[in-house]
Amino acid sequence: MAERGCDTIQQPQPTHKTMQTSFRPVFGSSQVQLRSTDKPVTPFGGLVSLIEFFGRIGLAAKLEEAMVFKLRSPNAIPPAQTLIGFLFAVIAGASRFAHTDWLRSDKALHAMLGVARFPGTDTVRNFFARFTQGAVEAFWRPLWRWLLPHFAAPPEGFSLDLDSTIFQRSGKQQGAAKGYNPQRPGRNSHHPLLAVLAEAPCIPHAWLRSGNTGASRGISEFLKEALALLPPGWKLRTVRADSGFFTQELMEFLEAQGLGYVIVARCTPNIKALAAGLSNWKEIEGGNYALSEFTTQLWGWKKPRRFIAVRERVRETKMAVGRKLLEVPGYTFRIFVTNRDQEPLVLWRDYNGRATIEQRIEELKAELAADGFCMKSFFATESAFLAVLFTFNLLSLYQKAIDPAAHYRQPATLRTTVFLGGAILGKAARKAVLYLSSAWGGYDKHKPLLEAILQWSPPTSPKLDRLQPLDPVTYAF
């Protein structure tokens, strides 16, 4: 206390300098001390085999070669490094552009990638914002042409599956419009169209489309582009699609190309009546299923086509797939149109393999956030969408390289079982050394993966072939 005249001045009290340096675990009473370390630590030490695989196929060099724009600023991160950063953010689990900042402080990962700086959110968004329609075609399509030949084609050919999906949108982005949206009726969305090679699996082609677009809108042009991207010598043994693609346009296109198809027929009153009137059913599996067929020429068609009908008995122990017909109670029906000449049972079981495309789409949305990277510009959003699909194809090819005979593993499974693993970056004899945590499997876990990648060789030696080369666009920032 100090006195100044009649006033009394309160002296400041010393602050409490004790800080929390430990914490109590959930179970147990002994405290755990807290300390800082200057060592670069990463939770993604398991990415070493994937990075080695990217080097094996020359991914960085191809991205630099294909890039349709360049930056003049000496401080700018090269566009190829920005894209690589985005791909690894998606692999690490990012579902929004803002999540790319997760890896900016991971100095150990930066050393693994060989980059001095990792792109932040604004850098990534600015990268995609530069894409126009011409840039999308000039950059992404040639990359697909380069990547696809790395996959081994089955002797009998691929099954090409078609499907569309809904990307929910909450803003007023370009192309976001009201359309078919069962989860949020009346809300804006995008309606992408995808083709999947079931046996690979990989996505050879995709379009981002407006939300008010029908499932089969532009399907002929879409398939023309998809077929042009396939490597020479690849065969398609069949094309499979659901009732959203039951259009004469698609069937005529496939017939003109000499491609077989199995497409779910839309149950119009005429088709329902023909199915209800069938009598030559062949029962299988104890009568729970029965198959039949008929040929008819619908209104507006230029020729008759073959239809396969599958009848399933409604049971309490199993959910029946298909539509019920009032004329035939106790059964559901699924009807397919085809130009193939195999037995109905063979065609039905073949079509059931198309279910994998729905799984792939679910993985794209739930595990790689294909619907999460949205911008104001339509082509910026499409470019980010294609980047996620490109990541999916790379992960699929990576699995073929490390173990061609192993079953396919989803991206989230790869993330948790292979890519996730603690590691510390250090030095030995002036060389960078990544110390993999033994608790996560250590070097012994990843050594076989690295050896498999070194021994792997692609079916061919693909070269980058631009469809429509553009002069690089130079930016001053």
Protein backbone atom coordinates (compact mmCIF):
# COMPACT_ATOMS: atom_id res chain seq x y z
CA MET A 1 0.00 0.00 0.00
CA ALA A 2 1.26 3.47 -0.80
CA GLU A 3 -0.27 6.82 0.17
CA ARG A 4 -0.30 9.92 -2.03
CA GLY A 5 -2.09 12.69 -0.25
CA CYS A 6 -5.52 11.37 0.70
CA ASP A 7 -5.53 8.73 -2.04
CA THR A 8 -4.59 5.16 -1.48
CA ILE A 9 -3.02 3.33 -4.41
CA GLN A 10 -3.38 -0.43 -4.63
CA GLN A 11 -0.09 -2.01 -5.68
CA PRO A 12 -0.41 -4.66 -8.42
CA GLN A 13 -0.30 -8.22 -7.10
CA PRO A 14 2.15 -10.68 -8.62
CA THR A 15 0.52 -12.97 -11.18
CA HIS A 16 0.29 -16.69 -10.59
CA LYS A 17 2.97 -18.24 -12.77
CA THR A 18 2.06 -21.88 -12.28
CA MET A 19 1.09 -23.61 -15.56
CA GLN A 20 -0.32 -27.04 -16.28
CA THR A 21 2.53 -29.35 -17.33
CA SER A 22 0.77 -32.70 -16.91
CA PHE A 23 -2.59 -34.35 -17.25
CA ARG A 24 -4.39 -37.31 -15.78
CA PRO A 25 -5.22 -40.23 -18.06
CA VAL A 26 -8.80 -41.45 -18.36
CA PHE A 27 -7.94 -44.54 -16.35
CA GLY A 28 -5.38 -44.53 -13.56
CA SER A 29 -4.13 -41.87 -11.18
CA SER A 30 -0.50 -41.32 -12.24
CA GLN A 31 -0.04 -38.11 -14.18
CA VAL A 32 1.54 -37.81 -17.62
CA GLN A 33 3.98 -34.95 -18.15
CA LEU A 34 3.70 -32.54 -21.10
CA ARG A 35 6.76 -31.45 -23.06
CA SER A 36 7.50 -29.86 -26.45
CA THR A 37 9.85 -31.24 -29.08
CA ASP A 38 11.54 -29.62 -32.06
CA LYS A 39 11.66 -32.91 -33.95
CA PRO A 40 9.44 -33.09 -37.08
CA VAL A 41 6.77 -35.66 -36.24
CA THR A 42 4.13 -36.97 -38.64
CA PRO A 43 1.15 -39.29 -38.20
CA PHE A 44 1.44 -40.32 -41.88
CA GLY A 45 4.74 -42.16 -41.96
CA GLY A 46 2.94 -45.02 -43.73
CA LEU A 47 2.70 -42.91 -46.89
CA VAL A 48 6.28 -43.87 -47.79
CA SER A 49 5.19 -46.72 -50.06
CA LEU A 50 2.60 -44.56 -51.82
CA ILE A 51 5.18 -41.81 -52.38
CA GLU A 52 7.60 -44.38 -53.77
CA PHE A 53 4.84 -45.62 -56.07
CA PHE A 54 4.19 -42.08 -57.33
CA GLY A 55 7.88 -41.80 -58.09
CA ARG A 56 7.82 -45.16 -59.83
CA ILE A 57 5.15 -44.03 -62.31
CA GLY A 58 6.64 -40.55 -62.68
CA LEU A 59 3.57 -38.73 -61.40
CA ALA A 60 5.26 -35.41 -60.54
CA ALA A 61 6.95 -35.16 -63.94
CA LYS A 62 3.65 -35.90 -65.74
CA LEU A 63 1.79 -33.25 -63.78
CA GLU A 64 4.45 -30.67 -64.59
CA GLU A 65 4.41 -31.67 -68.26
CA ALA A 66 0.62 -31.56 -68.52
CA MET A 67 0.12 -28.29 -66.60
CA VAL A 68 -1.67 -25.74 -68.78
CA PHE A 69 -0.65 -22.67 -66.82
CA LYS A 70 2.42 -21.47 -64.94
CA LEU A 71 3.16 -18.78 -62.37
CA ARG A 72 5.74 -16.03 -62.81
CA SER A 73 6.14 -15.04 -59.17
CA PRO A 74 9.38 -16.43 -57.68
CA ASN A 75 7.55 -16.90 -54.36
CA ALA A 76 4.68 -18.92 -55.83
CA ILE A 77 4.36 -22.63 -55.12
CA PRO A 78 4.56 -24.49 -58.46
CA PRO A 79 1.10 -25.60 -59.64
CA ALA A 80 2.13 -29.28 -59.78
CA GLN A 81 3.19 -29.13 -56.12
CA THR A 82 -0.09 -27.47 -55.22
CA LEU A 83 -2.04 -30.27 -56.89
CA ILE A 84 0.11 -32.94 -55.23
CA GLY A 85 -0.56 -31.24 -51.90
CA PHE A 86 -4.30 -31.35 -52.53
CA LEU A 87 -4.16 -35.05 -53.49
CA PHE A 88 -2.36 -35.90 -50.26
CA ALA A 89 -4.79 -33.83 -48.23
CA VAL A 90 -7.64 -35.87 -49.72
CA ILE A 91 -5.78 -39.11 -49.00
CA ALA A 92 -5.22 -37.94 -45.42
CA GLY A 93 -8.97 -37.38 -44.97
CA ALA A 94 -9.66 -33.76 -45.93
CA SER A 95 -13.29 -33.14 -46.85
CA ARG A 96 -13.18 -29.37 -47.38
CA PHE A 97 -10.68 -26.97 -48.90
CA ALA A 98 -10.00 -25.58 -45.40
CA HIS A 99 -8.78 -28.99 -44.30
CA THR A 100 -5.73 -28.76 -46.53
CA ASP A 101 -4.21 -26.61 -43.77
CA TRP A 102 -3.91 -29.76 -41.66
CA LEU A 103 -0.68 -30.69 -43.41
CA ARG A 104 0.97 -27.26 -43.56
CA SER A 105 2.76 -27.84 -40.22
CA ASP A 106 3.78 -31.41 -40.98
CA LYS A 107 7.46 -30.78 -41.75
CA ALA A 108 8.22 -34.49 -41.88
CA LEU A 109 5.63 -34.99 -44.62
CA HIS A 110 7.03 -31.99 -46.49
CA ALA A 111 10.42 -33.69 -46.51
CA MET A 112 8.82 -36.95 -47.68
CA LEU A 113 7.24 -35.06 -50.59
CA GLY A 114 10.36 -33.01 -51.30
CA VAL A 115 8.59 -29.64 -51.02
CA ALA A 116 9.80 -26.56 -49.17
CA ARG A 117 6.28 -25.27 -48.54
CA PHE A 118 2.90 -26.94 -48.42
CA PRO A 119 0.00 -25.09 -50.11
CA GLY A 120 -2.63 -23.54 -47.90
CA THR A 121 -6.35 -23.21 -48.45
CA ASP A 122 -6.17 -20.03 -50.56
CA THR A 123 -3.39 -21.44 -52.74
CA VAL A 124 -5.38 -24.58 -53.48
CA ARG A 125 -8.57 -22.66 -54.20
CA ASN A 126 -6.72 -20.24 -56.48
CA PHE A 127 -5.22 -23.19 -58.33
CA PHE A 128 -8.63 -24.68 -59.16
CA ALA A 129 -10.14 -21.24 -59.84
CA ARG A 130 -7.86 -20.89 -62.88
CA PHE A 131 -9.51 -23.80 -64.68
CA THR A 132 -11.80 -23.03 -67.57
CA GLN A 133 -13.60 -25.59 -69.72
CA GLY A 134 -10.68 -25.66 -72.15
CA ALA A 135 -8.16 -26.07 -69.33
CA VAL A 136 -10.15 -28.98 -67.89
CA GLU A 137 -10.11 -30.78 -71.23
CA ALA A 138 -6.45 -29.97 -71.95
CA PHE A 139 -5.17 -31.01 -68.53
CA TRP A 140 -7.31 -33.79 -67.07
CA ARG A 141 -8.23 -35.86 -70.14
CA PRO A 142 -4.61 -36.42 -71.24
CA LEU A 143 -3.74 -37.42 -67.67
CA TRP A 144 -6.42 -40.07 -67.84
CA ARG A 145 -4.97 -41.28 -71.14
CA TRP A 146 -1.58 -41.55 -69.48
CA LEU A 147 -2.81 -43.33 -66.32
CA LEU A 148 -5.27 -45.89 -67.71
CA PRO A 149 -2.68 -48.03 -69.58
CA HIS A 150 -1.00 -48.74 -66.23
CA PHE A 151 -3.96 -51.01 -65.38
CA ALA A 152 -3.84 -54.61 -66.60
CA ALA A 153 -6.82 -55.35 -68.86
CA PRO A 154 -8.57 -58.73 -68.42
CA PRO A 155 -8.45 -60.94 -71.55
CA GLU A 156 -12.24 -61.07 -71.80
CA GLY A 157 -12.54 -57.27 -71.48
CA PHE A 158 -13.88 -54.85 -68.90
CA SER A 159 -17.43 -54.34 -67.64
CA LEU A 160 -18.30 -50.64 -68.04
CA ASP A 161 -20.90 -49.53 -65.50
CA LEU A 162 -22.81 -46.25 -65.77
CA ASP A 163 -24.42 -44.33 -62.94
CA SER A 164 -25.14 -40.84 -61.66
CA THR A 165 -25.28 -39.44 -58.15
CA ILE A 166 -26.35 -36.31 -56.26
CA PHE A 167 -23.99 -33.75 -54.72
CA GLN A 168 -25.85 -31.60 -52.19
CA ARG A 169 -25.25 -27.85 -52.51
CA SER A 170 -26.29 -25.13 -50.08
CA GLY A 171 -25.18 -22.02 -51.95
CA LYS A 172 -25.62 -20.49 -55.39
CA GLN A 173 -22.69 -22.08 -57.16
CA GLN A 174 -22.66 -22.27 -60.94
CA GLY A 175 -24.58 -25.32 -62.10
CA ALA A 176 -26.22 -25.91 -58.73
CA ALA A 177 -29.93 -26.24 -59.51
CA LYS A 178 -33.09 -27.91 -58.29
CA GLY A 179 -33.58 -31.40 -59.65
CA TYR A 180 -34.02 -34.97 -58.49
CA ASN A 181 -32.87 -34.86 -54.88
CA PRO A 182 -34.55 -37.51 -52.69
CA GLN A 183 -32.64 -36.59 -49.51
CA ARG A 184 -33.28 -32.83 -49.70
CA PRO A 185 -36.16 -32.23 -52.12
CA GLY A 186 -36.26 -28.74 -53.58
CA ARG A 187 -32.63 -27.97 -52.70
CA ASN A 188 -29.84 -27.18 -55.15
CA SER A 189 -27.46 -29.89 -56.24
CA HIS A 190 -25.02 -31.05 -58.87
CA HIS A 191 -25.72 -34.29 -60.75
CA PRO A 192 -22.43 -35.90 -61.89
CA LEU A 193 -22.27 -38.79 -64.36
CA LEU A 194 -19.65 -41.52 -63.91
CA ALA A 195 -18.35 -44.56 -65.76
CA VAL A 196 -16.57 -47.28 -63.78
CA LEU A 197 -14.52 -50.24 -64.99
CA ALA A 198 -15.64 -52.87 -62.51
CA GLU A 199 -12.69 -55.24 -62.80
CA ALA A 200 -9.96 -52.63 -62.26
CA PRO A 201 -11.59 -50.85 -60.42
CA CYS A 202 -11.07 -47.39 -61.86
CA ILE A 203 -13.06 -44.47 -63.21
CA PRO A 204 -12.21 -43.87 -66.87
CA HIS A 205 -14.49 -40.86 -67.34
CA ALA A 206 -16.80 -38.50 -65.48
CA TRP A 207 -18.78 -35.33 -65.99
CA LEU A 208 -19.96 -32.80 -63.44
CA ARG A 209 -23.45 -31.68 -64.50
CA SER A 210 -26.14 -29.25 -63.42
CA GLY A 211 -28.55 -30.47 -60.75
CA ASN A 212 -31.56 -30.30 -63.07
CA THR A 213 -30.00 -32.69 -65.60
CA GLY A 214 -31.61 -36.07 -66.23
CA ALA A 215 -29.59 -39.22 -65.54
CA SER A 216 -29.08 -40.09 -69.22
CA ARG A 217 -28.70 -36.56 -70.56
CA GLY A 218 -25.83 -36.46 -73.05
CA ILE A 219 -25.03 -40.14 -72.59
CA SER A 220 -23.97 -40.73 -76.20
CA GLU A 221 -21.43 -37.90 -76.18
CA PHE A 222 -20.26 -39.00 -72.75
CA LEU A 223 -19.58 -42.52 -73.99
CA LYS A 224 -17.84 -41.24 -77.12
CA GLU A 225 -15.40 -39.38 -74.89
CA ALA A 226 -15.02 -42.37 -72.56
CA LEU A 227 -14.24 -44.75 -75.43
CA ALA A 228 -11.71 -42.27 -76.85
CA LEU A 229 -9.85 -42.26 -73.52
CA LEU A 230 -9.47 -46.05 -73.37
CA PRO A 231 -6.06 -47.38 -74.44
CA PRO A 232 -5.79 -49.08 -77.84
CA GLY A 233 -6.45 -52.80 -77.60
CA TRP A 234 -8.73 -52.59 -74.57
CA LYS A 235 -12.05 -54.40 -74.93
CA LEU A 236 -15.40 -53.83 -73.26
CA ARG A 237 -17.27 -57.07 -72.81
CA THR A 238 -20.50 -55.38 -71.65
CA VAL A 239 -22.10 -52.10 -70.56
CA ARG A 240 -24.44 -52.14 -67.54
CA ALA A 241 -26.81 -49.41 -66.38
CA ASP A 242 -29.95 -48.91 -64.28
CA SER A 243 -33.38 -47.73 -65.44
CA GLY A 244 -32.27 -44.11 -65.53
CA PHE A 245 -30.41 -44.98 -68.74
CA PHE A 246 -33.27 -46.90 -70.38
CA THR A 247 -33.29 -44.78 -73.53
CA GLN A 248 -33.29 -45.65 -77.20
CA GLU A 249 -30.43 -43.19 -77.71
CA LEU A 250 -28.10 -45.25 -75.50
CA MET A 251 -29.13 -48.61 -76.93
CA GLU A 252 -28.73 -47.46 -80.52
CA PHE A 253 -25.31 -45.98 -79.74
CA LEU A 254 -24.08 -49.20 -78.09
CA GLU A 255 -25.46 -51.33 -80.93
CA ALA A 256 -23.71 -49.12 -83.48
CA GLN A 257 -20.45 -49.57 -81.55
CA GLY A 258 -20.91 -53.34 -81.41
CA LEU A 259 -21.05 -53.34 -77.60
CA GLY A 260 -23.20 -55.69 -75.57
CA TYR A 261 -25.40 -54.23 -72.85
CA VAL A 262 -27.74 -55.13 -69.98
CA ILE A 263 -29.94 -52.21 -68.88
CA VAL A 264 -32.77 -52.20 -66.36
CA ALA A 265 -36.01 -51.47 -68.19
CA ARG A 266 -38.33 -48.76 -66.99
CA CYS A 267 -41.60 -50.46 -65.95
CA THR A 268 -44.04 -48.76 -68.28
CA PRO A 269 -47.66 -50.05 -68.40
CA ASN A 270 -46.88 -51.93 -71.61
CA ILE A 271 -43.84 -53.70 -70.14
CA LYS A 272 -45.74 -54.50 -66.93
CA ALA A 273 -48.53 -56.11 -68.92
CA LEU A 274 -46.09 -58.21 -70.92
CA ALA A 275 -44.30 -59.38 -67.76
CA ALA A 276 -47.58 -60.21 -66.01
CA GLY A 277 -48.66 -62.33 -68.97
CA LEU A 278 -45.55 -64.52 -69.08
CA SER A 279 -46.10 -68.23 -68.44
CA ASN A 280 -42.82 -69.90 -69.39
CA TRP A 281 -41.01 -69.25 -66.10
CA LYS A 282 -37.90 -71.25 -65.17
CA GLU A 283 -37.67 -71.54 -61.40
CA ILE A 284 -34.35 -71.58 -59.52
CA GLU A 285 -33.27 -71.67 -55.86
CA GLY A 286 -36.30 -73.61 -54.69
CA GLY A 287 -38.78 -71.45 -56.53
CA ASN A 288 -37.82 -68.23 -54.76
CA TYR A 289 -36.66 -66.89 -58.13
CA ALA A 290 -37.87 -67.50 -61.65
CA LEU A 291 -36.68 -66.22 -65.02
CA SER A 292 -38.33 -65.72 -68.37
CA GLU A 293 -37.93 -63.58 -71.45
CA PHE A 294 -39.86 -61.90 -74.22
CA THR A 295 -39.21 -59.74 -77.27
CA THR A 296 -41.13 -56.59 -78.09
CA GLN A 297 -40.82 -53.32 -79.97
CA LEU A 298 -41.87 -50.36 -77.88
CA TRP A 299 -43.48 -47.26 -79.31
CA GLY A 300 -40.92 -45.09 -81.10
CA TRP A 301 -38.37 -47.87 -81.40
CA LYS A 302 -36.95 -48.80 -84.78
CA LYS A 303 -36.73 -52.53 -84.01
CA PRO A 304 -37.77 -55.12 -81.39
CA ARG A 305 -35.42 -55.94 -78.52
CA ARG A 306 -34.97 -58.79 -76.07
CA PHE A 307 -36.18 -58.45 -72.47
CA ILE A 308 -35.26 -60.64 -69.49
CA ALA A 309 -37.73 -60.87 -66.58
CA VAL A 310 -36.71 -61.92 -63.06
CA ARG A 311 -39.50 -62.81 -60.65
CA GLU A 312 -38.77 -62.98 -56.92
CA ARG A 313 -41.09 -64.36 -54.27
CA VAL A 314 -41.83 -61.93 -51.44
CA ARG A 315 -40.54 -63.43 -48.19
CA GLU A 316 -40.46 -62.23 -44.59
CA THR A 317 -36.85 -63.33 -44.17
CA LYS A 318 -35.44 -61.38 -47.12
CA MET A 319 -36.18 -58.03 -48.70
CA ALA A 320 -37.27 -58.56 -52.30
CA VAL A 321 -35.78 -56.33 -55.02
CA GLY A 322 -37.98 -55.05 -57.82
CA ARG A 323 -41.50 -53.79 -58.42
CA LYS A 324 -44.78 -55.39 -57.52
CA LEU A 325 -47.42 -55.95 -60.17
CA LEU A 326 -51.08 -55.82 -59.14
CA GLU A 327 -51.83 -58.66 -61.54
CA VAL A 328 -49.31 -61.02 -59.86
CA PRO A 329 -49.48 -60.64 -56.05
CA GLY A 330 -46.77 -62.13 -53.85
CA TYR A 331 -43.90 -61.40 -56.26
CA THR A 332 -41.62 -58.59 -57.30
CA PHE A 333 -40.24 -58.20 -60.80
CA ARG A 334 -37.06 -56.84 -62.37
CA ILE A 335 -36.89 -56.51 -66.13
CA PHE A 336 -33.78 -55.97 -68.26
CA VAL A 337 -33.30 -55.13 -71.92
CA THR A 338 -30.26 -56.63 -73.64
CA ASN A 339 -28.68 -57.36 -76.99
CA ARG A 340 -26.62 -60.25 -75.61
CA ASP A 341 -27.54 -63.85 -76.43
CA GLN A 342 -26.61 -65.63 -73.18
CA GLU A 343 -29.11 -67.45 -70.98
CA PRO A 344 -31.30 -65.25 -68.75
CA LEU A 345 -29.65 -66.62 -65.58
CA VAL A 346 -26.18 -65.66 -66.85
CA LEU A 347 -27.31 -62.14 -67.75
CA TRP A 348 -29.07 -61.60 -64.44
CA ARG A 349 -26.05 -62.69 -62.41
CA ASP A 350 -23.79 -60.60 -64.62
CA TYR A 351 -25.88 -57.51 -64.01
CA ASN A 352 -25.79 -58.09 -60.24
CA GLY A 353 -22.05 -57.38 -60.46
CA ARG A 354 -22.96 -53.78 -61.29
CA ALA A 355 -23.63 -53.21 -57.59
CA THR A 356 -19.94 -52.40 -57.23
CA ILE A 357 -20.41 -49.01 -58.90
CA GLU A 358 -22.73 -47.94 -56.09
CA GLN A 359 -20.05 -48.96 -53.59
CA ARG A 360 -17.41 -46.97 -55.51
CA ILE A 361 -19.64 -43.87 -55.54
CA GLU A 362 -20.28 -44.23 -51.81
CA GLU A 363 -16.52 -44.45 -51.21
CA LEU A 364 -15.91 -41.36 -53.30
CA LYS A 365 -18.39 -39.36 -51.27
CA ALA A 366 -17.89 -40.77 -47.77
CA GLU A 367 -14.14 -41.52 -47.79
CA LEU A 368 -12.64 -39.11 -50.34
CA ALA A 369 -15.23 -36.30 -50.05
CA ALA A 370 -15.80 -36.01 -53.80
CA ASP A 371 -18.83 -33.82 -53.08
CA GLY A 372 -17.09 -31.63 -50.50
CA PHE A 373 -14.83 -29.42 -52.64
CA CYS A 374 -17.15 -26.86 -54.18
CA MET A 375 -16.41 -23.38 -55.52
CA LYS A 376 -18.38 -20.62 -57.19
CA SER A 377 -17.03 -21.44 -60.64
CA PHE A 378 -18.49 -24.56 -62.23
CA PHE A 379 -15.24 -25.60 -63.91
CA ALA A 380 -13.24 -24.98 -60.74
CA THR A 381 -15.61 -27.35 -58.95
CA GLU A 382 -15.39 -29.87 -61.80
CA SER A 383 -11.59 -29.74 -61.71
CA ALA A 384 -11.54 -30.43 -57.96
CA PHE A 385 -14.03 -33.27 -58.55
CA LEU A 386 -11.78 -34.77 -61.22
CA ALA A 387 -8.78 -34.42 -58.89
CA VAL A 388 -10.57 -36.60 -56.33
CA LEU A 389 -11.42 -39.19 -59.02
CA PHE A 390 -7.79 -39.13 -60.16
CA THR A 391 -6.77 -39.80 -56.54
CA PHE A 392 -9.14 -42.77 -56.43
CA ASN A 393 -7.59 -44.22 -59.59
CA LEU A 394 -4.08 -43.74 -58.19
CA LEU A 395 -5.01 -45.55 -54.97
CA SER A 396 -6.56 -48.40 -56.94
CA LEU A 397 -3.47 -48.75 -59.13
CA TYR A 398 -1.25 -48.58 -56.02
CA GLN A 399 -3.03 -51.63 -54.65
CA LYS A 400 -2.40 -53.52 -57.89
CA ALA A 401 1.28 -52.67 -57.60
CA ILE A 402 1.81 -53.84 -54.02
CA ASP A 403 -0.25 -57.04 -54.34
CA PRO A 404 -2.05 -57.80 -57.62
CA ALA A 405 -3.80 -60.86 -56.16
CA ALA A 406 -5.15 -59.14 -53.04
CA HIS A 407 -8.76 -58.09 -52.68
CA TYR A 408 -9.60 -54.43 -53.29
CA ARG A 409 -9.44 -52.24 -50.19
CA GLN A 410 -11.41 -49.05 -49.77
CA PRO A 411 -9.60 -45.71 -49.43
CA ALA A 412 -10.49 -45.43 -45.72
CA THR A 413 -9.11 -48.92 -45.12
CA LEU A 414 -5.83 -47.99 -46.81
CA ARG A 415 -5.71 -44.83 -44.75
CA THR A 416 -6.04 -46.63 -41.41
CA THR A 417 -4.12 -49.84 -42.11
CA VAL A 418 -1.26 -48.58 -44.30
CA PHE A 419 -0.89 -44.80 -44.43
CA LEU A 420 -1.46 -44.01 -40.76
CA GLY A 421 1.69 -44.49 -38.73
CA GLY A 422 3.80 -42.33 -36.47
CA ALA A 423 7.23 -41.29 -37.72
CA ILE A 424 10.00 -38.83 -36.83
CA LEU A 425 12.27 -37.11 -39.32
CA GLY A 426 15.92 -37.07 -38.37
CA LYS A 427 19.39 -37.10 -39.90
CA ALA A 428 22.22 -39.59 -40.14
CA ALA A 429 25.48 -38.87 -41.95
CA ARG A 430 23.95 -35.61 -43.23
CA LYS A 431 21.12 -37.50 -44.90
CA ALA A 432 17.46 -37.27 -43.99
CA VAL A 433 16.15 -40.34 -42.19
CA LEU A 434 12.53 -41.15 -41.46
CA TYR A 435 12.19 -43.20 -38.28
CA LEU A 436 8.99 -45.25 -38.46
CA SER A 437 7.39 -46.05 -35.14
CA SER A 438 7.72 -49.71 -34.21
CA ALA A 439 4.39 -49.46 -32.41
CA TRP A 440 2.76 -48.92 -35.85
CA GLY A 441 4.67 -51.75 -37.52
CA GLY A 442 7.86 -49.85 -38.20
CA TYR A 443 10.17 -50.54 -41.10
CA ASP A 444 9.32 -54.25 -41.16
CA LYS A 445 5.71 -53.42 -42.07
CA HIS A 446 6.55 -51.18 -45.02
CA LYS A 447 9.63 -52.95 -46.41
CA PRO A 448 7.58 -55.57 -48.34
CA LEU A 449 5.42 -52.81 -49.85
CA LEU A 450 8.47 -50.88 -51.02
CA GLU A 451 10.03 -54.02 -52.50
CA ALA A 452 6.80 -54.88 -54.34
CA ILE A 453 6.68 -51.41 -55.89
CA LEU A 454 10.30 -51.65 -57.04
CA GLN A 455 9.53 -54.98 -58.73
CA TRP A 456 6.25 -53.82 -60.29
CA SER A 457 6.13 -52.72 -63.90
CA PRO A 458 3.07 -51.41 -65.78
CA PRO A 459 1.62 -53.42 -68.69
CA THR A 460 2.89 -50.80 -71.16
CA SER A 461 5.15 -47.78 -71.23
CA PRO A 462 2.54 -45.03 -71.63
CA LYS A 463 3.30 -41.59 -72.92
CA LEU A 464 1.41 -38.39 -72.29
CA ASP A 465 -0.77 -37.58 -75.28
CA ARG A 466 -2.55 -34.27 -75.23
CA LEU A 467 -5.94 -34.17 -76.90
CA GLN A 468 -6.04 -30.44 -77.53
CA PRO A 469 -2.83 -28.75 -76.37
CA LEU A 470 -3.19 -25.23 -75.08
CA ASP A 471 -0.46 -22.64 -74.78
CA PRO A 472 0.48 -22.25 -71.11
CA VAL A 473 -1.26 -19.32 -69.45
CA THR A 474 1.09 -17.16 -67.42
CA TYR A 475 -0.09 -15.54 -64.21
CA ALA A 476 1.71 -12.70 -62.47
CA PHE A 477 0.92 -13.95 -58.98
